[in-house]
Amino acid sequence: MIKQCISIVLVSVLSLFSSSSMAHSGHEHDADVAIIKVSNAQVREFLPATTSSVGYLSIINHSDTVATLTKATIDGLGRVEIHEHSHVDGMMKMQKVESLTINAHQQIDFKPGGYHLMIFEPQEPLKVGQQRKLTLYFSDGNRVFTNAQVVSLASQAEQSQASKQHTHH
């Protein structure tokens, strides 16, 4: 009886390792893969009678390789686009960005007046305090998963004001 149990455990462990190696066949892991960290991800709840909202986060590329962000998705939202604000002829302009290059050892902050995520088509209402899965897609095929906190407009305004008042000595 004990020998049968040990045999079953060994077969299970071996099948786990073989399926794991099969899942990784066809591509190699090497030092040229970007190491990306995402922090402070948040999306704002949809305001009444609006069809879009916004998301902010910070992306840090800790590797020696350039990373190119090509797409983002958030669970429960039909569409997420990467946008940027720019000044053109003295006017603030917002435009969709097809890809965003994050250089080696660079941090890009998605924040008001700069890069941000535009979110559309909620499949269900976003509620303050919820966590939604955010997936970032990169041109090399890698994906980064994190949770985005659903926040209110008031709390985003407070955070923005607090960061403007913070100075370094």
Protein backbone atom coordinates (compact mmCIF):
# COMPACT_ATOMS: atom_id res chain seq x y z
CA MET A 1 0.00 0.00 0.00
CA ILE A 2 2.78 2.45 0.92
CA LYS A 3 4.71 1.52 -2.26
CA GLN A 4 1.59 2.26 -4.36
CA CYS A 5 1.16 5.68 -2.72
CA ILE A 6 4.82 6.53 -3.32
CA SER A 7 4.50 5.42 -6.95
CA ILE A 8 1.43 7.60 -7.47
CA VAL A 9 3.19 10.61 -5.94
CA LEU A 10 6.30 10.08 -8.10
CA VAL A 11 4.24 9.78 -11.29
CA SER A 12 2.34 12.95 -10.38
CA VAL A 13 5.54 14.90 -9.71
CA LEU A 14 7.17 13.68 -12.94
CA SER A 15 4.12 14.58 -15.02
CA LEU A 16 4.08 18.03 -13.43
CA PHE A 17 7.69 18.65 -14.45
CA SER A 18 7.25 17.29 -17.96
CA SER A 19 4.12 19.39 -18.61
CA SER A 20 5.93 22.43 -17.22
CA SER A 21 8.85 21.93 -19.58
CA MET A 22 6.48 21.38 -22.50
CA ALA A 23 4.75 24.65 -21.74
CA HIS A 24 8.09 26.40 -22.07
CA SER A 25 9.30 24.65 -25.21
CA GLY A 26 9.57 26.81 -28.29
CA HIS A 27 11.13 29.84 -26.65
CA GLU A 28 14.17 30.61 -24.57
CA HIS A 29 14.65 32.66 -21.44
CA ASP A 30 17.71 34.86 -21.58
CA ALA A 31 19.19 38.03 -20.18
CA ASP A 32 17.62 40.17 -22.95
CA VAL A 33 14.12 39.94 -21.45
CA ALA A 34 12.95 43.17 -19.86
CA ILE A 35 12.18 43.06 -16.14
CA ILE A 36 9.12 45.23 -15.62
CA LYS A 37 7.57 46.33 -12.34
CA VAL A 38 4.19 48.06 -12.12
CA SER A 39 3.08 50.07 -9.10
CA ASN A 40 0.28 52.40 -8.00
CA ALA A 41 -2.17 51.13 -10.64
CA GLN A 42 -5.59 52.69 -10.32
CA VAL A 43 -8.64 53.38 -12.45
CA ARG A 44 -11.24 56.00 -11.76
CA GLU A 45 -14.86 54.98 -11.50
CA PHE A 46 -17.05 56.18 -14.37
CA LEU A 47 -18.74 59.47 -13.57
CA PRO A 48 -22.52 59.67 -14.20
CA ALA A 49 -23.41 60.02 -17.91
CA THR A 50 -19.81 59.49 -19.08
CA THR A 51 -18.60 56.88 -21.56
CA SER A 52 -14.93 56.91 -20.60
CA SER A 53 -12.67 57.14 -17.61
CA VAL A 54 -8.97 57.09 -16.90
CA GLY A 55 -6.25 54.92 -15.36
CA TYR A 56 -2.86 55.75 -13.90
CA LEU A 57 0.17 53.66 -12.91
CA SER A 58 3.96 53.62 -12.84
CA ILE A 59 6.04 51.26 -14.98
CA ILE A 60 9.70 50.66 -14.20
CA ASN A 61 12.03 48.78 -16.55
CA HIS A 62 14.69 47.26 -14.29
CA SER A 63 16.56 45.54 -17.12
CA ASP A 64 19.31 46.52 -19.54
CA THR A 65 16.86 46.05 -22.43
CA VAL A 66 14.27 48.38 -23.97
CA ALA A 67 10.65 47.33 -23.42
CA THR A 68 7.83 48.39 -25.73
CA LEU A 69 4.30 48.51 -24.31
CA THR A 70 1.77 47.79 -27.05
CA LYS A 71 -1.53 47.14 -25.30
CA ALA A 72 -3.35 47.09 -21.96
CA THR A 73 -6.51 45.32 -20.81
CA ILE A 74 -8.51 45.54 -17.61
CA ASP A 75 -10.98 42.86 -16.57
CA GLY A 76 -14.56 44.02 -16.97
CA LEU A 77 -13.75 46.75 -19.49
CA GLY A 78 -14.36 46.37 -23.20
CA ARG A 79 -11.56 48.65 -24.34
CA VAL A 80 -8.40 50.20 -22.89
CA GLU A 81 -6.19 52.59 -24.86
CA ILE A 82 -2.82 54.14 -24.10
CA HIS A 83 -2.98 57.94 -24.45
CA GLU A 84 -0.72 60.92 -23.93
CA HIS A 85 -1.20 64.64 -23.42
CA SER A 86 1.06 66.94 -25.37
CA HIS A 87 1.34 70.67 -25.91
CA VAL A 88 0.80 71.66 -29.53
CA ASP A 89 0.82 75.34 -30.50
CA GLY A 90 0.16 76.36 -26.90
CA MET A 91 -2.80 73.99 -26.54
CA MET A 92 -3.10 70.73 -24.62
CA LYS A 93 -3.86 67.85 -26.97
CA MET A 94 -4.69 64.22 -26.13
CA GLN A 95 -3.87 61.42 -28.56
CA LYS A 96 -3.83 57.64 -28.67
CA VAL A 97 -0.39 55.99 -28.57
CA GLU A 98 0.09 52.73 -30.48
CA SER A 99 3.21 51.78 -28.52
CA LEU A 100 5.31 53.23 -25.73
CA THR A 101 9.05 52.62 -25.43
CA ILE A 102 10.41 52.24 -21.92
CA ASN A 103 14.19 52.47 -22.00
CA ALA A 104 16.48 50.37 -19.82
CA HIS A 105 16.33 51.47 -16.18
CA GLN A 106 13.62 54.04 -16.94
CA GLN A 107 10.40 54.75 -15.05
CA ILE A 108 7.34 56.12 -16.79
CA ASP A 109 4.53 57.52 -14.67
CA PHE A 110 1.02 57.51 -16.11
CA LYS A 111 -0.49 60.63 -14.51
CA PRO A 112 -2.69 63.64 -15.25
CA GLY A 113 -1.19 65.76 -18.03
CA GLY A 114 1.00 62.94 -19.35
CA TYR A 115 0.60 59.30 -20.31
CA HIS A 116 -2.58 57.63 -19.07
CA LEU A 117 -4.95 54.79 -19.85
CA MET A 118 -8.33 55.68 -21.33
CA ILE A 119 -10.93 53.10 -20.37
CA PHE A 120 -14.21 52.45 -22.16
CA GLU A 121 -17.19 50.09 -22.32
CA PRO A 122 -17.62 48.84 -18.75
CA GLN A 123 -19.28 45.43 -18.75
CA GLU A 124 -20.41 46.13 -15.19
CA PRO A 125 -20.09 49.27 -13.04
CA LEU A 126 -16.72 49.99 -11.45
CA LYS A 127 -17.11 50.39 -7.70
CA VAL A 128 -14.70 52.33 -5.50
CA GLY A 129 -12.55 49.90 -3.52
CA GLN A 130 -12.68 47.10 -6.12
CA GLN A 131 -9.55 45.57 -7.58
CA ARG A 132 -9.49 44.87 -11.33
CA LYS A 133 -6.87 42.75 -13.08
CA LEU A 134 -4.66 44.90 -15.34
CA THR A 135 -2.61 43.19 -18.03
CA LEU A 136 0.16 45.01 -19.91
CA TYR A 137 1.32 43.52 -23.22
CA PHE A 138 4.81 44.07 -24.62
CA SER A 139 6.17 43.72 -28.15
CA ASP A 140 8.46 40.84 -27.15
CA GLY A 141 5.41 38.73 -26.20
CA ASN A 142 5.77 39.21 -22.46
CA ARG A 143 2.85 40.25 -20.28
CA VAL A 144 2.76 41.82 -16.85
CA PHE A 145 -0.22 41.28 -14.55
CA THR A 146 -1.21 43.45 -11.61
CA ASN A 147 -4.33 44.74 -9.87
CA ALA A 148 -5.69 48.22 -10.41
CA GLN A 149 -7.55 49.81 -7.52
CA VAL A 150 -10.86 51.48 -8.43
CA VAL A 151 -10.85 55.00 -6.96
CA SER A 152 -13.16 58.01 -6.92
CA LEU A 153 -12.54 61.32 -8.66
CA ALA A 154 -12.23 62.99 -5.24
CA SER A 155 -9.50 60.61 -4.03
CA GLN A 156 -7.60 60.98 -7.33
CA ALA A 157 -7.76 64.78 -6.98
CA GLU A 158 -6.46 64.54 -3.40
CA GLN A 159 -3.57 62.29 -4.48
CA SER A 160 -2.70 64.61 -7.35
CA GLN A 161 -2.74 67.66 -5.07
CA ALA A 162 -0.60 65.91 -2.45
CA SER A 163 2.02 64.93 -5.04
CA LYS A 164 2.20 68.53 -6.34
CA GLN A 165 2.80 69.84 -2.80
CA HIS A 166 5.58 67.32 -2.15
CA THR A 167 9.02 68.80 -2.83
CA HIS A 168 12.52 67.44 -2.49
CA HIS A 169 15.13 69.34 -0.44
